[in-house]
Protein backbone atom coordinates (compact mmCIF):
# COMPACT_ATOMS: atom_id res chain seq x y z
CA ARG A 1 -154.12 95.65 -131.17
CA ILE A 2 -150.63 96.58 -130.53
CA LEU A 3 -150.51 98.22 -133.90
CA ASN A 4 -153.58 100.41 -133.17
CA PRO A 5 -152.35 103.91 -132.23
CA ASP A 6 -155.64 104.49 -130.29
CA GLU A 7 -155.21 101.80 -127.97
CA ASP A 8 -153.78 101.95 -124.33
CA VAL A 9 -151.07 99.40 -125.24
CA ASN A 10 -149.00 100.99 -128.00
CA ASP A 11 -145.31 99.98 -128.68
CA GLU A 12 -144.09 102.52 -131.13
CA SER A 13 -140.70 100.85 -131.53
CA TYR A 14 -142.58 97.71 -132.72
CA ARG A 15 -144.73 99.78 -135.17
CA SER A 16 -141.70 101.43 -136.66
CA ARG A 17 -139.91 98.18 -137.17
CA GLN A 18 -142.79 96.69 -138.90
CA VAL A 19 -142.83 99.77 -141.23
CA GLN A 20 -139.20 99.40 -141.93
CA ASP A 21 -139.66 95.69 -142.77
CA LEU A 22 -142.49 96.35 -145.06
CA VAL A 23 -140.52 99.24 -146.90
CA GLN A 24 -137.60 96.85 -147.27
CA VAL A 25 -139.93 94.08 -148.94
CA ALA A 26 -141.48 96.70 -151.16
CA LYS A 27 -137.89 97.70 -152.23
CA LEU A 28 -137.15 94.12 -152.90
CA LEU A 29 -140.31 93.41 -155.04
CA THR A 30 -139.87 96.62 -156.92
CA SER A 31 -136.08 96.48 -157.47
CA LYS A 32 -134.42 96.52 -160.97
CA ALA A 33 -134.64 93.39 -163.23
CA GLY A 34 -131.74 91.16 -162.67
CA THR A 35 -131.86 91.25 -158.76
CA CYS A 36 -132.50 87.74 -157.98
CA TYR A 37 -135.05 87.42 -154.82
CA SER A 38 -132.96 84.47 -153.42
CA CYS A 39 -129.71 86.44 -153.51
CA ALA A 40 -131.43 89.65 -152.02
CA PHE A 41 -132.90 87.56 -149.21
CA GLU A 42 -129.64 85.92 -148.49
CA LYS A 43 -127.80 89.44 -148.46
CA ILE A 44 -130.64 90.64 -146.00
CA VAL A 45 -130.62 87.90 -143.52
CA GLY A 46 -127.01 86.72 -144.00
CA ASN A 47 -123.76 87.57 -142.29
CA PRO A 48 -122.94 90.97 -143.46
CA SER A 49 -119.15 90.59 -143.05
CA SER A 50 -119.18 87.05 -144.89
CA THR A 51 -117.48 87.28 -148.28
CA ASP A 52 -117.04 83.44 -148.60
CA VAL A 53 -119.21 82.25 -151.65
CA PRO A 54 -120.68 84.37 -154.37
CA LEU A 55 -124.30 83.99 -154.55
CA ASN A 56 -125.88 82.21 -157.42
CA GLN A 57 -129.27 83.11 -159.04
CA CYS A 58 -132.07 80.84 -158.44
CA GLY A 59 -133.68 80.99 -162.00
CA ASN A 60 -137.08 80.67 -160.46
CA CYS A 61 -138.25 84.05 -159.33
CA PRO A 62 -139.80 86.49 -161.54
CA SER A 63 -136.60 88.63 -161.67
CA CYS A 64 -134.48 85.65 -162.89
CA ARG A 65 -137.24 84.90 -165.45
CA ASN A 66 -137.45 88.64 -166.57
CA GLN A 67 -141.10 88.79 -165.51
CA LYS A 68 -142.63 92.05 -164.19
CA LEU A 69 -144.77 91.88 -161.19
CA PHE A 70 -146.10 95.35 -161.61
CA PRO A 71 -147.02 97.35 -164.74
CA LEU A 72 -145.34 100.70 -165.57
CA ILE A 73 -147.21 103.59 -164.56
CA HIS A 74 -147.37 106.62 -166.81
CA CYS A 75 -146.84 109.83 -164.98
CA GLU A 76 -149.10 112.04 -167.12
CA GLY A 77 -152.01 109.91 -166.25
CA VAL A 78 -151.31 110.04 -162.79
CA VAL A 79 -151.00 113.78 -162.86
CA GLU A 80 -154.31 114.20 -164.58
CA ILE A 81 -156.26 112.11 -162.21
CA ILE A 82 -154.69 113.79 -159.18
CA MET A 83 -155.37 117.09 -160.53
CA ASP A 84 -159.00 116.15 -161.33
CA LEU A 85 -159.26 114.69 -157.78
CA PHE A 86 -157.80 117.32 -155.56
CA VAL A 87 -157.91 120.60 -157.83
CA PHE A 88 -160.84 120.50 -160.24
CA SER A 89 -163.36 118.55 -158.00
CA PRO A 90 -165.78 120.53 -155.95
CA VAL A 91 -165.92 117.57 -153.44
CA ARG A 92 -163.16 117.34 -150.82
CA TYR A 93 -162.05 113.80 -150.29
CA LYS A 94 -161.17 113.23 -146.62
CA THR A 95 -160.74 109.48 -146.47
CA LEU A 96 -158.69 106.99 -148.50
CA ASP A 97 -161.71 105.01 -149.31
CA ALA A 98 -163.35 108.16 -150.95
CA VAL A 99 -160.17 108.68 -153.03
CA ILE A 100 -160.12 105.08 -154.00
CA ASP A 101 -163.80 105.13 -155.00
CA PHE A 102 -163.05 108.28 -157.06
CA ILE A 103 -160.36 106.71 -158.97
CA ARG A 104 -162.28 103.41 -159.53
CA SER A 105 -165.10 105.49 -160.96
CA TYR A 106 -162.80 107.78 -163.08
CA LYS A 107 -163.44 107.29 -166.86
CA GLU A 108 -160.63 105.49 -168.63
CA ALA A 109 -158.59 105.44 -165.41
CA SER A 110 -156.82 102.02 -166.46
CA TYR A 111 -155.93 103.64 -169.75
CA LYS A 112 -154.55 106.87 -168.31
CA LEU A 113 -152.39 105.11 -165.65
CA PHE A 114 -151.17 101.98 -167.64
CA ARG A 115 -151.80 102.94 -171.30
CA LYS A 116 -153.85 99.71 -171.52
CA ARG A 117 -157.56 99.18 -171.63
CA LEU A 118 -158.41 96.81 -168.94
CA LYS A 119 -161.81 95.04 -168.50
CA LYS A 120 -163.13 95.15 -164.92
CA LEU A 121 -163.54 91.61 -163.79
CA ASP A 122 -166.72 90.46 -161.99
CA PRO A 123 -166.23 88.28 -159.02
């Protein structure tokens, strides 16, 4: 309840700290290849003035193993979908759920975004 801006108890400093932490984690997870997660966490939570020991890569995280967590997104496909969504569509999408439903139902959305044909998995 403390994160709901409509509640009587609202701690904006807590909310902004949470947003800062989430952005920091997102930057870490989407950082360039070669940035070891273990080294990055050590730099984040470690003593900023310490220069004692150089950090060794763990060899276990996706970055050390040269694995990509997220596929590359092609800008041309994003532009096409956004233009169809907000410019060429007669319907005005007012909620995030409506936008997500539009993108999910968009023909060839996976190919336009990722240049791969992905099959929809049934639960």
